[in-house]
N, C-alpha and C. Protein backbone atom coordinates (compact mmCIF):
# COMPACT_ATOMS: atom_id res chain seq x y z
N UNK A 1 18.82 8.04 -22.74
CA UNK A 1 18.93 6.61 -22.28
C UNK A 1 19.76 5.33 -21.21
N UNK A 2 20.32 7.01 -20.61
CA UNK A 2 21.20 6.67 -19.62
C UNK A 2 20.42 6.54 -18.37
N UNK A 3 19.28 7.41 -18.23
CA UNK A 3 18.22 7.79 -17.36
C UNK A 3 17.59 6.36 -17.44
N UNK A 4 16.63 5.86 -18.35
CA UNK A 4 16.26 4.70 -18.44
C UNK A 4 16.58 4.20 -17.79
N UNK A 5 17.82 3.08 -18.35
CA UNK A 5 19.33 2.34 -17.80
C UNK A 5 19.01 2.62 -15.93
N UNK A 6 19.03 3.72 -15.47
CA UNK A 6 19.58 3.50 -13.85
C UNK A 6 17.65 3.28 -13.70
N UNK A 7 16.86 3.75 -13.72
CA UNK A 7 15.81 3.31 -13.64
C UNK A 7 15.33 2.03 -13.69
N UNK A 8 15.55 1.65 -14.71
CA UNK A 8 15.49 -0.25 -14.61
C UNK A 8 16.21 -0.61 -13.87
N UNK A 9 17.57 -0.27 -13.09
CA UNK A 9 18.26 -0.98 -11.76
C UNK A 9 17.69 -0.99 -11.21
N UNK A 10 16.91 0.47 -10.76
CA UNK A 10 16.47 1.03 -9.15
C UNK A 10 14.85 -0.14 -9.44
N UNK A 11 14.56 0.15 -10.37
CA UNK A 11 12.56 -0.83 -10.16
C UNK A 11 13.09 -2.11 -9.76
N UNK A 12 14.55 -3.13 -10.42
CA UNK A 12 14.90 -4.00 -10.23
C UNK A 12 15.07 -4.69 -9.00
N UNK A 13 15.63 -3.25 -7.84
CA UNK A 13 15.83 -3.60 -6.38
C UNK A 13 15.02 -3.31 -5.87
N UNK A 14 13.50 -3.16 -6.20
CA UNK A 14 13.02 -3.40 -5.36
C UNK A 14 11.48 -4.19 -5.39
N UNK A 15 11.76 -5.62 -5.01
CA UNK A 15 11.24 -6.78 -4.69
C UNK A 15 10.77 -6.77 -3.72
N UNK A 16 10.45 -6.67 -2.54
CA UNK A 16 9.10 -6.31 -1.34
C UNK A 16 8.26 -5.81 -1.22
N UNK A 17 6.60 -5.56 -0.37
CA UNK A 17 5.80 -5.30 -0.42
C UNK A 17 5.32 -5.98 1.37
N UNK A 18 5.50 -5.02 2.27
CA UNK A 18 4.25 -4.87 3.68
C UNK A 18 3.01 -5.14 3.11
N UNK A 19 1.78 -5.71 3.63
CA UNK A 19 0.51 -5.94 3.75
C UNK A 19 0.62 -7.07 5.16
N UNK A 20 -0.40 -6.13 5.44
CA UNK A 20 -1.26 -6.43 6.69
C UNK A 20 -2.69 -6.76 6.69
N UNK A 21 -3.09 -7.56 7.25
CA UNK A 21 -4.66 -8.42 6.56
C UNK A 21 -4.73 -9.36 6.84
N UNK A 22 -5.70 -10.03 6.90
CA UNK A 22 -6.65 -11.03 6.99
C UNK A 22 -6.63 -12.06 6.16
N UNK A 23 -6.03 -13.59 6.37
CA UNK A 23 -6.18 -14.62 6.01
C UNK A 23 -7.72 -15.05 5.19
N UNK A 24 -8.01 -15.00 4.32
CA UNK A 24 -8.89 -15.66 3.65
C UNK A 24 -9.26 -16.65 3.90
N UNK A 25 -8.51 -18.13 3.57
CA UNK A 25 -8.93 -19.39 3.11
C UNK A 25 -7.53 -20.00 3.38
N UNK A 26 -7.97 -21.05 4.17
CA UNK A 26 -6.37 -22.06 4.13
C UNK A 26 -5.79 -21.51 2.98
N UNK A 27 -4.74 -21.71 3.08
CA UNK A 27 -3.11 -22.42 2.11
C UNK A 27 -3.16 -23.72 1.77
N UNK A 28 -3.36 -23.33 -0.01
CA UNK A 28 -3.00 -24.43 -0.76
C UNK A 28 -1.20 -24.66 -0.45
N UNK A 29 -1.42 -25.77 -0.58
CA UNK A 29 0.65 -26.55 -0.44
C UNK A 29 0.80 -27.22 -1.94
N UNK A 30 2.17 -26.40 -2.36
CA UNK A 30 2.61 -27.43 -3.18
C UNK A 30 3.90 -27.72 -3.64
N UNK A 31 4.19 -29.01 -3.33
CA UNK A 31 6.10 -28.81 -3.56
C UNK A 31 6.10 -28.61 -5.03
N UNK A 32 7.76 -27.87 -5.70
CA UNK A 32 8.27 -28.45 -6.96
C UNK A 32 8.72 -29.34 -7.59
N UNK A 33 9.35 -29.57 -8.40
CA UNK A 33 10.05 -30.70 -8.93
C UNK A 33 11.32 -30.36 -8.39
N UNK A 34 11.24 -29.45 -8.24
CA UNK A 34 13.08 -29.61 -6.86
C UNK A 34 12.90 -29.18 -5.36
N UNK A 35 11.86 -30.07 -5.71
CA UNK A 35 11.59 -30.42 -3.42
C UNK A 35 11.81 -29.39 -3.21
N UNK A 36 11.01 -27.79 -3.44
CA UNK A 36 10.65 -27.34 -2.64
C UNK A 36 9.21 -27.09 -2.12
N UNK A 37 8.88 -26.39 -0.74
CA UNK A 37 7.57 -26.36 -1.15
C UNK A 37 6.81 -24.82 -1.12
N UNK A 38 5.79 -24.65 -1.90
CA UNK A 38 5.64 -23.31 -1.69
C UNK A 38 3.80 -23.38 -1.52
N UNK A 39 3.86 -22.27 -0.96
CA UNK A 39 1.94 -21.76 -0.33
C UNK A 39 1.35 -20.62 -1.22
N UNK A 40 0.32 -20.94 -1.61
CA UNK A 40 -1.13 -20.49 -1.91
C UNK A 40 -1.94 -20.25 -1.36
N UNK A 41 -2.70 -18.37 -0.72
CA UNK A 41 -4.05 -17.82 -0.24
C UNK A 41 -4.19 -16.64 -0.48
N UNK A 42 -4.97 -15.67 0.17
CA UNK A 42 -5.12 -14.96 -0.34
C UNK A 42 -5.54 -14.20 0.82
N UNK A 43 -5.42 -12.94 0.91
CA UNK A 43 -5.06 -12.52 2.42
C UNK A 43 -6.18 -11.27 1.66
N UNK A 44 -6.72 -10.55 2.56
CA UNK A 44 -8.28 -9.22 1.97
C UNK A 44 -6.92 -7.43 3.39
N UNK A 45 -6.97 -6.95 2.71
CA UNK A 45 -6.60 -5.19 3.56
C UNK A 45 -7.18 -4.46 3.11
N UNK A 46 -7.55 -4.34 4.71
CA UNK A 46 -8.71 -2.92 4.46
C UNK A 46 -8.16 -1.86 4.94
N UNK A 47 -8.53 -0.70 4.02
CA UNK A 47 -8.24 0.66 3.94
C UNK A 47 -9.14 1.38 4.36
N UNK A 48 -8.67 2.37 5.70
CA UNK A 48 -9.83 3.66 6.45
C UNK A 48 -9.56 5.14 6.16
N UNK A 49 -10.26 5.73 5.94
CA UNK A 49 -9.65 6.78 5.23
C UNK A 49 -11.24 7.69 5.57
N UNK A 50 -11.42 9.45 5.36
CA UNK A 50 -12.35 10.08 5.37
C UNK A 50 -12.55 10.53 3.79
N UNK A 51 -13.65 10.63 3.36
CA UNK A 51 -13.92 11.91 2.41
C UNK A 51 -14.13 12.54 2.42
N UNK A 52 -14.02 13.69 1.44
CA UNK A 52 -15.06 14.99 1.31
C UNK A 52 -16.06 15.49 2.53
N UNK A 53 -16.71 14.58 2.76
CA UNK A 53 -17.95 15.10 3.65
C UNK A 53 -17.32 14.60 5.05
N UNK A 54 -16.18 14.07 5.53
CA UNK A 54 -15.32 14.23 6.50
C UNK A 54 -16.42 12.60 6.87
N UNK A 55 -16.90 11.03 5.72
CA UNK A 55 -17.39 10.56 6.62
C UNK A 55 -16.25 9.54 6.76
N UNK A 56 -16.17 7.93 7.27
CA UNK A 56 -14.93 7.15 7.72
C UNK A 56 -15.54 6.64 6.37
N UNK A 57 -14.49 5.54 5.39
CA UNK A 57 -15.14 4.76 4.18
C UNK A 57 -14.20 3.43 4.87
N UNK A 58 -14.55 3.01 4.14
CA UNK A 58 -13.76 1.56 4.41
C UNK A 58 -13.08 0.69 3.29
N UNK A 59 -12.49 0.28 1.96
CA UNK A 59 -11.88 -0.11 1.29
C UNK A 59 -11.37 -1.03 1.34
N UNK A 60 -11.97 -2.50 0.64
CA UNK A 60 -11.13 -3.58 1.46
C UNK A 60 -10.84 -4.79 -0.13
N UNK A 61 -8.62 -4.45 -0.15
CA UNK A 61 -8.37 -5.27 -1.69
C UNK A 61 -8.57 -6.62 -1.46
N UNK A 62 -7.96 -7.23 -1.63
CA UNK A 62 -7.64 -9.08 -1.77
C UNK A 62 -6.55 -9.38 -2.27
N UNK A 63 -5.42 -9.85 -1.80
CA UNK A 63 -4.46 -9.80 -2.60
C UNK A 63 -4.05 -11.23 -2.81
N UNK A 64 -3.66 -11.62 -3.59
CA UNK A 64 -3.21 -13.77 -3.55
C UNK A 64 -1.07 -13.33 -2.91
N UNK A 65 -1.32 -14.45 -2.30
CA UNK A 65 0.49 -14.20 -1.75
C UNK A 65 1.11 -15.79 -2.03
N UNK A 66 2.03 -15.84 -2.77
CA UNK A 66 2.54 -16.85 -2.12
C UNK A 66 3.80 -16.36 -1.35
N UNK A 67 4.01 -18.06 -0.68
CA UNK A 67 5.31 -18.17 0.47
C UNK A 67 5.78 -18.81 -0.55
N UNK A 68 7.09 -19.00 -0.01
CA UNK A 68 8.53 -20.27 -0.32
C UNK A 68 9.14 -19.74 1.10
N UNK A 69 9.89 -20.50 0.51
CA UNK A 69 11.55 -20.80 1.72
C UNK A 69 10.97 -20.71 3.34
N UNK A 70 11.53 -19.84 4.20
CA UNK A 70 11.75 -19.56 5.11
C UNK A 70 9.94 -18.76 5.63
N UNK A 71 10.33 -17.83 4.89
CA UNK A 71 8.77 -17.62 4.61
C UNK A 71 7.22 -18.73 5.42
N UNK A 72 7.89 -19.43 3.70
CA UNK A 72 6.33 -20.48 3.70
C UNK A 72 6.40 -21.36 5.09
N UNK A 73 7.81 -21.65 5.88
CA UNK A 73 7.71 -22.56 7.39
C UNK A 73 6.92 -21.62 8.15
N UNK A 74 7.23 -20.60 7.99
CA UNK A 74 6.83 -19.48 9.06
C UNK A 74 5.26 -18.99 8.83
N UNK A 75 5.22 -18.55 7.90
CA UNK A 75 3.57 -19.23 7.61
C UNK A 75 2.56 -20.74 8.49
N UNK A 76 3.57 -22.04 7.44
CA UNK A 76 2.70 -23.14 8.39
C UNK A 76 2.98 -22.55 10.01
N UNK A 77 3.82 -22.30 10.91
CA UNK A 77 3.90 -22.36 11.94
C UNK A 77 2.36 -21.60 12.38
N UNK A 78 2.12 -20.18 12.10
CA UNK A 78 1.46 -19.48 12.86
C UNK A 78 0.21 -19.03 12.49
N UNK A 79 -0.52 -19.66 11.32
CA UNK A 79 -1.14 -18.68 10.45
C UNK A 79 -1.85 -19.84 10.13
N UNK A 80 -3.23 -19.13 10.18
CA UNK A 80 -4.75 -19.89 9.93
C UNK A 80 -5.78 -19.65 9.18
N UNK A 81 -7.25 -20.00 8.91
CA UNK A 81 -7.61 -19.04 8.26
C UNK A 81 -8.49 -17.78 8.85
N UNK A 82 -8.55 -16.81 8.35
CA UNK A 82 -9.52 -15.61 9.55
C UNK A 82 -8.29 -15.22 10.16
N UNK A 83 -7.02 -15.08 10.37
CA UNK A 83 -6.33 -14.45 11.21
C UNK A 83 -5.72 -13.79 10.55
N UNK A 84 -5.05 -12.60 10.95
CA UNK A 84 -4.52 -11.86 10.49
C UNK A 84 -2.54 -12.30 10.61
N UNK A 85 -2.32 -11.97 9.38
CA UNK A 85 -1.04 -12.38 8.85
C UNK A 85 -0.01 -10.75 8.50
């Protein structure tokens, strides 16, 4: 039981992911009831690897991203549709 509690404490500290990809469409910007802005936008991330035959394979994954606070401000200043983010 102590091991499970320790694992949960560690997992609660892991809350960041770094993705590099292209913005698929322009962001949707909304305001919360508290007056904070949030931006939602999808990005595509490509993964390249070689299969067992030695052929280069490209996989594309799509992620929905939400940006708040300072991340939101930086996003609005720098990113437009189809740009690398």
